[in-house]
Amino acid sequence: MRMRLLLFIFICLQTSTSNAQIDHFETIVYAEDDWIYTVPNENTDTDWRSLSFAAAGWNLGPGGIGYGDGDDNTQISNSRSVYMRRYFEVEDKEQISMLVLHADYDDGFVAYLNGIEIARSNMVGQFPEPFDEATDLREAEMYSGGNPQEFILDADVLQNFLFEGSNVLAIQTHNYDGLNSSDLSSLYWLSAGIQSENSYYGEVPDWFSIDNWFQTKLPIVRIDTYGQEIPDDPRIQAELEIVYNGEDAFNSVSDAANEFSGKITIEKRGHSSQGLFPKNNLGFETKNSDWSEDMDVEFLGFPPEEDWILHGPYSDKTLMRNVVAMKLARDMGRYASRTKFVELFINGNYWGVYVLMEKIKRDEFRVDIANLNPDEVTGDDLTGGYILRIDWGDPDWYSDYNFANNFNERPGYQIYSPNDPSLIQELYIESYVDSFENAISAFNHTFGGKHYSEFIDVGSFVDRLLHNEIAKNVDGYRLSEYFHKDKDSK
């Protein structure tokens, strides 16, 4: 069991990793900054891309560097290529979650960070030489009102090749038709996604946007509330989209919804978490096209249903405790909510890693007990279809016994299902639970001629106790505790 649990935790860590923890973007290198540059020849040092290169005899001028299009802050004579270097400082590497290069060029380029290639277009060969030509024509876009091209850098570049302190961005830009070309353009920006609200570099340009800045192997859940704040109660109308490209495939924030798209109503849920934590828990119901009826749906491997929870594990910095606990319960052969890690966006804003969960309810795929109708008030019909809980809120009745570790407080039971029980049903289930408690507290563990074990499934109670202790459930036994009773005949 211990090895299986450790393996599960490792898998969760692997699959919930993304580059998505970004508060805002800042630009580190601007095209118009002063660059060290040269028009290279066959004698140009091949080490020119590295951080340690001295660049003796190179020129200094603002980018872009080129000729012919009116987008050149530094003009050079007609040439096959130009080499550029820009030094920059990184103050706190741990605050950078992502790097993106924007390029407006004519006709091809290769870019390097501290000597390691990070992006290229229209060029072949590992290290193109000065007289190599671009493989295709490309006209610069920005001087005629367009935008630069976007290159999101691989995560290992950020992890292994961006340094705390000094760095160099080196770029070689090449023409398609050599000296016969009428223009050459070279404008490059390097920007970073910053985790915190702190500012380290400069503002992004006015045109700045990133189509695929968020990529993750977790499903992406997008909710549009039409600009409304999500209240505690009542639920508001919204739309839900889910992007999921399959196991071990990347999902992008710009991808079209391919797993689900439909109407929902949504509200905040929870008690202390609403007041204490900025990452709120949410509950939603899936609806038909005009929100007039609940609609069972299935997505991400969940069985069909209409009631769902988005759990925001704010106080759990691993994000995994509930997921591990639920899986452990299911591995013990008991029902517990199925779970799925997702990345949540609401109205275009990133809310973080959430856990999509099943809401506890009577259902063949959840708590599979009889449906108790209001008119079932006699015989076997009366005996089952109940879900009870001990939780925040007004109880339907209190236990006659105090908590074992708090002699000033008694458990309060709520009838969670059915939603509107009859008085006879309320009296029946209250009497049943009271009888069980009387039996377990009696000297011979018997009440009304029945041993306590005749009132409950003893194995499930033992499993629940073990589960609470193994999971170190701080609310165990006193909050968020659910019980169910089926008909005696079942």
Protein backbone atom coordinates (compact mmCIF):
# COMPACT_ATOMS: atom_id res chain seq x y z
CA MET A 1 0.00 0.00 0.00
CA ARG A 2 2.78 2.44 0.87
CA MET A 3 4.54 1.91 -2.46
CA ARG A 4 1.28 2.34 -4.39
CA LEU A 5 0.52 5.58 -2.56
CA LEU A 6 4.00 6.97 -3.20
CA LEU A 7 3.72 6.06 -6.89
CA PHE A 8 0.36 7.82 -7.11
CA ILE A 9 1.80 10.96 -5.52
CA PHE A 10 4.68 10.91 -8.01
CA ILE A 11 2.28 10.56 -10.94
CA CYS A 12 0.22 13.50 -9.66
CA LEU A 13 3.31 15.66 -9.44
CA GLN A 14 4.27 14.76 -12.98
CA THR A 15 0.87 15.39 -14.54
CA SER A 16 0.03 18.60 -12.71
CA THR A 17 3.16 20.45 -13.75
CA SER A 18 2.69 23.37 -16.16
CA ASN A 19 4.18 26.72 -17.04
CA ALA A 20 0.93 28.42 -16.16
CA GLN A 21 1.72 30.23 -12.92
CA ILE A 22 1.90 33.71 -14.46
CA ASP A 23 0.62 36.94 -12.90
CA HIS A 24 1.69 39.25 -15.74
CA PHE A 25 4.24 39.69 -18.54
CA GLU A 26 7.20 42.09 -18.71
CA THR A 27 9.67 42.77 -21.52
CA ILE A 28 13.37 42.20 -20.82
CA VAL A 29 14.86 43.05 -24.24
CA TYR A 30 13.32 45.54 -26.69
CA ALA A 31 13.98 45.75 -30.42
CA GLU A 32 14.87 49.45 -30.05
CA ASP A 33 17.48 48.79 -27.34
CA ASP A 34 21.13 49.35 -28.18
CA TRP A 35 22.58 46.16 -29.67
CA ILE A 36 26.16 45.22 -30.44
CA TYR A 37 26.21 44.19 -34.10
CA THR A 38 28.38 43.35 -37.09
CA VAL A 39 27.99 42.49 -40.75
CA PRO A 40 29.85 39.17 -40.61
CA ASN A 41 32.36 37.66 -43.01
CA GLU A 42 34.24 34.40 -43.27
CA ASN A 43 36.64 35.51 -40.52
CA THR A 44 33.93 36.24 -37.92
CA ASP A 45 34.62 34.31 -34.71
CA THR A 46 32.32 31.26 -34.54
CA ASP A 47 32.02 31.79 -30.77
CA TRP A 48 30.08 35.03 -31.27
CA ARG A 49 26.87 33.48 -29.82
CA SER A 50 28.30 32.74 -26.37
CA LEU A 51 27.99 34.86 -23.23
CA SER A 52 31.76 35.15 -22.83
CA PHE A 53 32.42 36.48 -26.34
CA ALA A 54 34.20 39.87 -26.20
CA ALA A 55 32.79 41.34 -29.47
CA ALA A 56 35.89 43.48 -30.02
CA GLY A 57 35.50 45.74 -33.04
CA TRP A 58 31.73 45.27 -33.27
CA ASN A 59 29.41 48.27 -33.65
CA LEU A 60 26.78 49.65 -31.28
CA GLY A 61 23.37 50.91 -32.39
CA PRO A 62 19.67 50.71 -31.74
CA GLY A 63 17.63 47.95 -33.36
CA GLY A 64 16.22 47.23 -35.82
CA ILE A 65 19.37 46.95 -37.80
CA GLY A 66 19.00 46.64 -41.55
CA TYR A 67 18.02 48.57 -44.66
CA GLY A 68 15.29 49.20 -47.19
CA ASP A 69 11.94 49.20 -45.35
CA GLY A 70 11.91 52.29 -43.14
CA ASP A 71 11.87 50.12 -40.02
CA ASP A 72 15.62 50.44 -39.40
CA ASN A 73 16.86 52.51 -36.47
CA THR A 74 20.40 51.58 -37.53
CA GLN A 75 21.01 51.37 -41.27
CA ILE A 76 23.66 49.19 -42.82
CA SER A 77 24.69 48.66 -46.44
CA ASN A 78 23.25 45.81 -48.48
CA SER A 79 24.37 42.53 -46.92
CA ARG A 80 23.57 38.86 -46.79
CA SER A 81 23.28 38.82 -42.96
CA VAL A 82 23.74 40.73 -39.75
CA TYR A 83 24.78 39.40 -36.32
CA MET A 84 23.41 41.07 -33.15
CA ARG A 85 24.02 40.71 -29.41
CA ARG A 86 22.12 42.21 -26.47
CA TYR A 87 23.21 41.73 -22.84
CA PHE A 88 20.58 41.72 -20.09
CA GLU A 89 20.39 40.99 -16.37
CA VAL A 90 18.03 38.60 -14.59
CA GLU A 91 17.30 39.65 -11.04
CA ASP A 92 15.25 36.70 -9.74
CA LYS A 93 15.05 33.72 -12.07
CA GLU A 94 12.58 31.91 -9.82
CA GLN A 95 9.98 34.57 -10.56
CA ILE A 96 10.08 33.80 -14.31
CA SER A 97 7.61 31.10 -15.42
CA MET A 98 7.92 31.57 -19.17
CA LEU A 99 10.01 33.21 -21.89
CA VAL A 100 8.69 34.35 -25.27
CA LEU A 101 10.56 35.82 -28.23
CA HIS A 102 8.74 38.12 -30.66
CA ALA A 103 10.43 38.58 -34.04
CA ASP A 104 9.78 40.77 -37.07
CA TYR A 105 12.38 39.89 -39.67
CA ASP A 106 13.23 39.74 -43.33
CA ASP A 107 13.89 36.95 -44.37
CA GLY A 108 15.18 34.34 -41.87
CA PHE A 109 16.86 34.18 -38.46
CA VAL A 110 18.31 31.99 -35.73
CA ALA A 111 18.26 33.19 -32.08
CA TYR A 112 20.44 31.99 -29.21
CA LEU A 113 20.29 32.43 -25.45
CA ASN A 114 23.75 32.20 -23.89
CA GLY A 115 24.92 30.21 -26.93
CA ILE A 116 21.96 27.79 -27.02
CA GLU A 117 19.53 27.97 -29.94
CA ILE A 118 16.05 29.03 -28.83
CA ALA A 119 14.19 29.88 -32.05
CA ARG A 120 14.59 29.96 -35.83
CA SER A 121 12.72 30.52 -39.07
CA ASN A 122 13.61 29.98 -42.76
CA MET A 123 17.14 28.77 -41.93
CA VAL A 124 18.85 25.37 -42.17
CA GLY A 125 21.99 23.99 -40.59
CA GLN A 126 22.96 23.92 -36.93
CA PHE A 127 25.04 27.11 -37.11
CA PRO A 128 24.36 28.96 -40.39
CA GLU A 129 27.40 30.74 -41.78
CA PRO A 130 27.56 34.44 -42.75
CA PHE A 131 26.92 33.93 -46.46
CA ASP A 132 24.13 31.33 -46.07
CA GLU A 133 20.80 32.52 -47.39
CA ALA A 134 17.30 32.19 -45.92
CA THR A 135 15.32 29.32 -47.40
CA ASP A 136 12.28 31.46 -48.19
CA LEU A 137 11.09 35.03 -48.53
CA ARG A 138 9.45 36.74 -45.60
CA GLU A 139 8.45 40.39 -45.50
CA ALA A 140 8.59 42.28 -42.21
CA GLU A 141 5.09 43.02 -40.91
CA MET A 142 5.25 45.85 -38.41
CA TYR A 143 6.19 48.76 -40.68
CA SER A 144 2.94 48.14 -42.60
CA GLY A 145 0.75 47.77 -39.51
CA GLY A 146 1.21 44.06 -38.74
CA ASN A 147 2.49 42.28 -35.64
CA PRO A 148 5.67 40.28 -34.99
CA GLN A 149 5.84 36.51 -34.94
CA GLU A 150 5.66 34.67 -31.59
CA PHE A 151 8.09 31.98 -30.38
CA ILE A 152 7.45 30.43 -26.96
CA LEU A 153 10.68 29.03 -25.58
CA ASP A 154 10.91 25.47 -24.30
CA ALA A 155 10.70 24.99 -20.55
CA ASP A 156 14.17 23.42 -20.43
CA VAL A 157 15.64 26.62 -21.91
CA LEU A 158 14.23 28.59 -19.01
CA GLN A 159 15.29 25.96 -16.49
CA ASN A 160 18.82 25.23 -17.72
CA PHE A 161 20.09 28.08 -19.90
CA LEU A 162 18.74 31.28 -18.39
CA PHE A 163 21.14 32.48 -15.71
CA GLU A 164 20.70 34.53 -12.58
CA GLY A 165 22.69 37.69 -13.36
CA SER A 166 24.22 38.29 -16.81
CA ASN A 167 22.81 36.78 -20.03
CA VAL A 168 23.09 37.47 -23.75
CA LEU A 169 20.54 37.23 -26.53
CA ALA A 170 22.37 36.68 -29.84
CA ILE A 171 20.57 36.65 -33.20
CA GLN A 172 21.68 36.19 -36.80
CA THR A 173 19.33 37.52 -39.50
CA HIS A 174 19.74 36.46 -43.14
CA ASN A 175 18.45 37.59 -46.53
CA TYR A 176 16.82 35.25 -49.05
CA ASP A 177 18.50 36.64 -52.16
CA GLY A 178 21.81 37.74 -50.71
CA LEU A 179 23.17 41.06 -51.90
CA ASN A 180 20.42 41.33 -54.50
CA SER A 181 17.75 41.79 -51.86
CA SER A 182 16.26 45.27 -51.51
CA ASP A 183 15.71 45.03 -47.74
CA LEU A 184 16.72 43.35 -44.49
CA SER A 185 14.81 43.71 -41.20
CA SER A 186 15.73 42.57 -37.68
CA LEU A 187 13.46 43.49 -34.75
CA TYR A 188 13.39 41.23 -31.69
CA TRP A 189 11.80 41.38 -28.23
CA LEU A 190 12.34 38.99 -25.31
CA SER A 191 9.58 38.95 -22.67
CA ALA A 192 8.93 36.97 -19.50
CA GLY A 193 5.89 35.69 -17.66
CA ILE A 194 6.27 36.80 -14.01
CA GLN A 195 4.78 34.77 -11.16
CA SER A 196 4.29 37.55 -8.61
CA GLU A 197 2.83 41.05 -8.72
CA ASN A 198 6.33 42.52 -8.43
CA SER A 199 7.90 44.38 -11.36
CA TYR A 200 11.43 43.49 -12.51
CA TYR A 201 11.84 44.67 -16.11
CA GLY A 202 9.79 46.89 -18.44
CA GLU A 203 6.24 47.15 -19.69
CA VAL A 204 5.29 45.04 -22.66
CA PRO A 205 4.70 46.86 -25.98
CA ASP A 206 1.19 47.99 -26.86
CA TRP A 207 0.82 45.26 -29.46
CA PHE A 208 1.93 42.51 -27.06
CA SER A 209 -0.18 39.38 -27.02
CA ILE A 210 0.49 35.67 -26.79
CA ASP A 211 -1.76 33.14 -28.46
CA ASN A 212 -0.45 30.10 -26.64
CA TRP A 213 1.12 31.48 -23.48
CA PHE A 214 -0.58 28.83 -21.38
CA GLN A 215 0.20 25.21 -22.20
CA THR A 216 -0.36 22.32 -19.84
CA LYS A 217 -0.96 18.58 -19.86
CA LEU A 218 -3.91 19.09 -17.53
CA PRO A 219 -7.39 19.70 -18.97
CA ILE A 220 -8.26 23.40 -19.25
CA VAL A 221 -11.64 24.48 -17.87
CA ARG A 222 -12.93 27.85 -19.08
CA ILE A 223 -15.98 29.51 -17.50
CA ASP A 224 -17.64 32.65 -18.84
CA THR A 225 -20.01 34.38 -16.40
CA TYR A 226 -20.70 37.29 -18.76
CA GLY A 227 -18.77 39.59 -16.44
CA GLN A 228 -20.74 38.72 -13.29
CA GLU A 229 -19.07 38.01 -9.95
CA ILE A 230 -19.79 34.48 -8.73
CA PRO A 231 -21.92 34.77 -5.56
CA ASP A 232 -22.32 32.42 -2.62
CA ASP A 233 -26.01 32.08 -3.45
CA PRO A 234 -27.94 31.84 -5.71
CA ARG A 235 -26.23 30.27 -8.69
CA ILE A 236 -25.81 32.46 -11.77
CA GLN A 237 -25.91 31.52 -15.43
CA ALA A 238 -22.60 30.88 -17.19
CA GLU A 239 -20.97 28.87 -19.96
CA LEU A 240 -18.45 26.07 -19.51
CA GLU A 241 -15.80 24.88 -21.97
CA ILE A 242 -13.27 22.09 -21.50
CA VAL A 243 -10.13 21.65 -23.59
CA TYR A 244 -8.53 18.21 -23.44
CA ASN A 245 -6.34 16.77 -26.20
CA GLY A 246 -5.75 13.40 -24.55
CA GLU A 247 -3.38 11.73 -22.14
CA ASP A 248 0.12 13.25 -22.12
CA ALA A 249 -0.82 15.80 -24.81
CA PHE A 250 -0.48 19.55 -24.32
CA ASN A 251 -3.57 21.70 -24.02
CA SER A 252 -3.42 25.39 -24.86
CA VAL A 253 -5.53 28.25 -23.59
CA SER A 254 -6.22 29.21 -27.21
CA ASP A 255 -7.48 25.74 -28.22
CA ALA A 256 -11.14 25.33 -29.14
CA ALA A 257 -13.28 23.47 -26.63
CA ASN A 258 -13.16 19.83 -27.72
CA GLU A 259 -14.16 17.90 -24.58
CA PHE A 260 -17.28 19.83 -23.57
CA SER A 261 -19.11 23.08 -24.28
CA GLY A 262 -22.42 23.97 -22.68
CA LYS A 263 -24.50 25.96 -20.21
CA ILE A 264 -24.13 25.85 -16.44
CA THR A 265 -25.25 27.63 -13.29
CA ILE A 266 -22.52 28.29 -10.76
CA GLU A 267 -22.00 29.54 -7.19
CA LYS A 268 -19.36 29.61 -4.48
CA ARG A 269 -19.44 26.83 -1.92
CA GLY A 270 -17.80 26.02 1.38
CA HIS A 271 -17.84 27.76 4.74
CA SER A 272 -14.56 28.90 6.28
CA SER A 273 -12.77 28.74 2.92
CA GLN A 274 -14.91 31.58 1.54
CA GLY A 275 -13.79 34.02 4.21
CA LEU A 276 -10.22 32.86 4.70
CA PHE A 277 -8.93 31.88 1.27
CA PRO A 278 -8.67 33.87 -1.98
CA LYS A 279 -9.02 30.60 -3.91
CA ASN A 280 -12.71 29.75 -3.52
CA ASN A 281 -14.46 26.44 -3.99
CA LEU A 282 -17.19 26.41 -6.63
CA GLY A 283 -20.23 24.28 -7.36
CA PHE A 284 -22.00 24.09 -10.69
CA GLU A 285 -24.84 22.29 -12.44
CA THR A 286 -24.86 21.47 -16.15
CA LYS A 287 -27.93 22.75 -17.98
CA ASN A 288 -29.69 22.49 -21.32
CA SER A 289 -29.33 25.15 -24.02
CA ASP A 290 -31.63 27.72 -22.37
CA TRP A 291 -30.76 26.92 -18.73
CA SER A 292 -34.32 25.73 -18.10
CA GLU A 293 -33.48 22.15 -17.09
CA ASP A 294 -30.65 20.20 -15.48
CA MET A 295 -28.79 17.99 -17.93
CA ASP A 296 -26.63 14.96 -17.24
CA VAL A 297 -23.31 15.14 -19.08
CA GLU A 298 -20.13 13.11 -19.11
CA PHE A 299 -16.62 14.41 -19.69
CA LEU A 300 -13.01 13.65 -18.73
CA GLY A 301 -13.91 10.04 -17.91
CA PHE A 302 -16.59 10.90 -15.34
CA PRO A 303 -19.92 9.02 -15.50
CA PRO A 304 -22.88 11.18 -16.59
CA GLU A 305 -24.33 13.55 -14.00
CA GLU A 306 -25.34 17.19 -13.56
CA ASP A 307 -23.85 18.25 -10.18
CA TRP A 308 -20.14 19.06 -9.98
CA ILE A 309 -17.56 20.67 -7.70
CA LEU A 310 -14.43 22.67 -8.48
CA HIS A 311 -12.31 22.33 -5.36
CA GLY A 312 -9.58 24.96 -4.91
CA PRO A 313 -6.95 23.40 -2.61
CA TYR A 314 -5.57 26.72 -1.37
CA SER A 315 -4.34 25.69 2.09
CA ASP A 316 -2.84 22.46 0.72
CA LYS A 317 0.36 23.52 -1.01
CA THR A 318 0.79 20.04 -2.54
CA LEU A 319 -2.69 20.43 -4.12
CA MET A 320 -2.99 16.64 -3.81
CA ARG A 321 -4.25 15.65 -0.37
CA ASN A 322 -7.95 15.40 -1.23
CA VAL A 323 -7.16 13.60 -4.48
CA VAL A 324 -4.92 11.06 -2.71
CA ALA A 325 -7.50 10.57 0.06
CA MET A 326 -10.33 10.00 -2.43
CA LYS A 327 -8.28 7.51 -4.41
CA LEU A 328 -7.31 5.66 -1.25
CA ALA A 329 -10.99 5.34 -0.31
CA ARG A 330 -11.88 4.01 -3.76
CA ASP A 331 -8.99 1.54 -3.60
CA MET A 332 -10.51 0.30 -0.33
CA GLY A 333 -13.65 -0.60 -2.29
CA ARG A 334 -15.76 2.32 -1.04
CA TYR A 335 -17.42 5.06 -3.04
CA ALA A 336 -15.57 8.39 -2.95
CA SER A 337 -15.79 11.26 -5.39
CA ARG A 338 -13.85 10.73 -8.59
CA THR A 339 -11.38 13.54 -9.19
CA LYS A 340 -9.45 15.22 -12.00
CA PHE A 341 -6.84 17.97 -11.78
CA VAL A 342 -7.68 20.87 -14.13
CA GLU A 343 -6.46 24.39 -14.89
CA LEU A 344 -9.28 26.89 -14.31
CA PHE A 345 -9.91 30.14 -16.18
CA ILE A 346 -12.88 32.37 -15.32
CA ASN A 347 -13.70 35.27 -17.65
CA GLY A 348 -10.23 34.94 -19.17
CA ASN A 349 -8.42 35.16 -15.81
CA TYR A 350 -6.34 32.27 -14.51
CA TRP A 351 -7.61 30.96 -11.15
CA GLY A 352 -5.08 28.16 -10.69
CA VAL A 353 -4.98 24.38 -10.42
CA TYR A 354 -8.35 23.06 -9.27
CA VAL A 355 -9.76 19.60 -8.61
CA LEU A 356 -12.90 18.74 -10.59
CA MET A 357 -14.96 16.43 -8.37
CA GLU A 358 -18.31 14.70 -8.17
CA LYS A 359 -20.77 16.25 -5.75
CA ILE A 360 -22.08 13.71 -3.24
CA LYS A 361 -25.62 12.73 -4.16
CA ARG A 362 -27.91 9.77 -4.64
CA ASP A 363 -27.17 8.37 -8.09
CA GLU A 364 -26.37 4.99 -9.61
CA PHE A 365 -22.82 6.19 -10.32
CA ARG A 366 -22.34 7.93 -6.95
CA VAL A 367 -24.18 6.95 -3.76
CA ASP A 368 -26.14 4.08 -5.24
CA ILE A 369 -29.16 3.79 -2.93
CA ALA A 370 -32.90 3.75 -3.45
CA ASN A 371 -34.78 6.87 -4.44
CA LEU A 372 -36.94 7.80 -1.43
CA ASN A 373 -40.17 9.48 -2.55
CA PRO A 374 -42.24 11.67 -0.18
CA ASP A 375 -45.15 9.17 -0.15
CA GLU A 376 -42.98 6.23 0.93
CA VAL A 377 -43.80 6.28 4.63
CA THR A 378 -44.52 2.66 5.56
CA GLY A 379 -42.84 -0.73 5.58
CA ASP A 380 -39.62 -1.37 3.70
CA ASP A 381 -40.15 1.73 1.56
CA LEU A 382 -39.58 3.94 4.60
CA THR A 383 -36.30 2.32 5.63
CA GLY A 384 -33.92 3.52 2.94
CA GLY A 385 -32.79 6.20 0.53
CA TYR A 386 -31.25 8.49 3.16
CA ILE A 387 -27.99 10.45 3.03
CA LEU A 388 -27.06 12.22 6.29
CA ARG A 389 -24.20 14.53 7.09
CA ILE A 390 -22.50 16.30 9.97
CA ASP A 391 -21.46 19.71 8.69
CA TRP A 392 -21.84 23.46 8.99
CA GLY A 393 -25.38 24.75 9.02
CA ASP A 394 -28.49 24.13 11.07
CA PRO A 395 -28.95 20.44 11.96
CA ASP A 396 -32.25 18.60 11.76
CA TRP A 397 -31.49 17.11 15.16
CA TYR A 398 -28.64 16.80 17.65
CA SER A 399 -27.12 13.64 19.00
CA ASP A 400 -27.77 12.84 22.66
CA TYR A 401 -24.02 12.30 23.08
CA ASN A 402 -21.12 14.75 23.08
CA PHE A 403 -18.05 14.47 20.90
CA ALA A 404 -15.47 12.27 22.62
CA ASN A 405 -12.86 15.06 22.52
CA ASN A 406 -15.27 17.95 23.19
CA PHE A 407 -17.72 17.48 26.04
CA ASN A 408 -19.35 20.84 25.31
CA GLU A 409 -20.50 20.00 21.78
CA ARG A 410 -22.73 17.37 20.25
CA PRO A 411 -22.87 16.22 16.62
CA GLY A 412 -25.71 17.77 14.66
CA TYR A 413 -27.23 15.61 11.92
CA GLN A 414 -28.61 17.02 8.67
CA ILE A 415 -30.82 15.10 6.24
CA TYR A 416 -28.95 15.69 2.99
CA SER A 417 -31.13 13.45 0.85
CA PRO A 418 -34.01 13.38 0.10
CA ASN A 419 -34.24 17.15 -0.30
CA ASP A 420 -37.72 17.46 1.20
CA PRO A 421 -38.41 14.49 3.48
CA SER A 422 -41.79 13.98 5.04
CA LEU A 423 -42.20 14.27 8.80
CA ILE A 424 -42.54 10.49 9.10
CA GLN A 425 -39.27 10.00 7.19
CA GLU A 426 -37.50 12.55 9.40
CA LEU A 427 -38.73 10.84 12.57
CA TYR A 428 -37.75 7.39 11.25
CA ILE A 429 -34.14 8.20 10.39
CA GLU A 430 -33.62 10.24 13.57
CA SER A 431 -34.91 7.34 15.67
CA TYR A 432 -32.71 4.90 13.75
CA VAL A 433 -29.52 6.91 14.32
CA ASP A 434 -30.40 7.54 17.98
CA SER A 435 -30.95 3.82 18.49
CA PHE A 436 -27.56 3.02 17.01
CA GLU A 437 -25.85 5.55 19.29
CA ASN A 438 -27.70 4.18 22.31
CA ALA A 439 -26.59 0.67 21.39
CA ILE A 440 -22.93 1.52 20.93
CA SER A 441 -22.85 3.44 24.22
CA ALA A 442 -24.61 0.71 26.24
CA PHE A 443 -22.66 -1.65 28.47
CA ASN A 444 -23.60 -4.66 26.32
CA HIS A 445 -23.70 -2.61 23.10
CA THR A 446 -27.37 -3.45 22.63
CA PHE A 447 -30.51 -1.31 22.41
CA GLY A 448 -34.08 -2.42 21.79
CA GLY A 449 -32.85 -5.97 21.48
CA LYS A 450 -30.43 -5.16 18.64
CA HIS A 451 -26.63 -5.18 18.81
CA TYR A 452 -24.97 -2.03 17.41
CA SER A 453 -23.57 -4.08 14.52
CA GLU A 454 -27.13 -4.71 13.32
CA PHE A 455 -27.60 -0.99 12.70
CA ILE A 456 -24.49 -0.37 10.57
CA ASP A 457 -22.11 -1.88 8.05
CA VAL A 458 -19.26 -2.35 10.54
CA GLY A 459 -16.61 -2.76 7.85
CA SER A 460 -17.41 0.62 6.29
CA PHE A 461 -17.17 2.34 9.68
CA VAL A 462 -13.80 0.71 10.36
CA ASP A 463 -12.56 1.73 6.91
CA ARG A 464 -13.78 5.29 7.48
CA LEU A 465 -12.00 5.53 10.81
CA LEU A 466 -8.75 4.20 9.32
CA HIS A 467 -9.14 6.51 6.34
CA ASN A 468 -9.61 9.61 8.53
CA GLU A 469 -6.50 8.74 10.54
CA ILE A 470 -4.27 7.82 7.62
CA ALA A 471 -5.29 10.97 5.74
CA LYS A 472 -4.89 13.12 8.89
CA ASN A 473 -8.30 14.61 8.18
CA VAL A 474 -8.47 17.63 10.53
CA ASP A 475 -12.25 17.83 10.05
CA GLY A 476 -12.72 14.11 10.54
CA TYR A 477 -15.80 12.96 12.51
CA ARG A 478 -17.06 16.52 13.19
CA LEU A 479 -17.47 18.19 9.77
CA SER A 480 -18.05 17.09 6.17
CA GLU A 481 -18.97 13.59 7.35
CA TYR A 482 -21.55 11.75 5.25
CA PHE A 483 -23.56 8.61 6.02
CA HIS A 484 -26.14 6.76 3.97
CA LYS A 485 -28.77 4.11 4.60
CA ASP A 486 -30.44 2.01 1.94
CA LYS A 487 -33.69 0.08 2.32
CA ASP A 488 -33.55 -2.86 4.74
CA SER A 489 -34.40 -5.22 1.89
CA LYS A 490 -31.24 -4.16 0.07
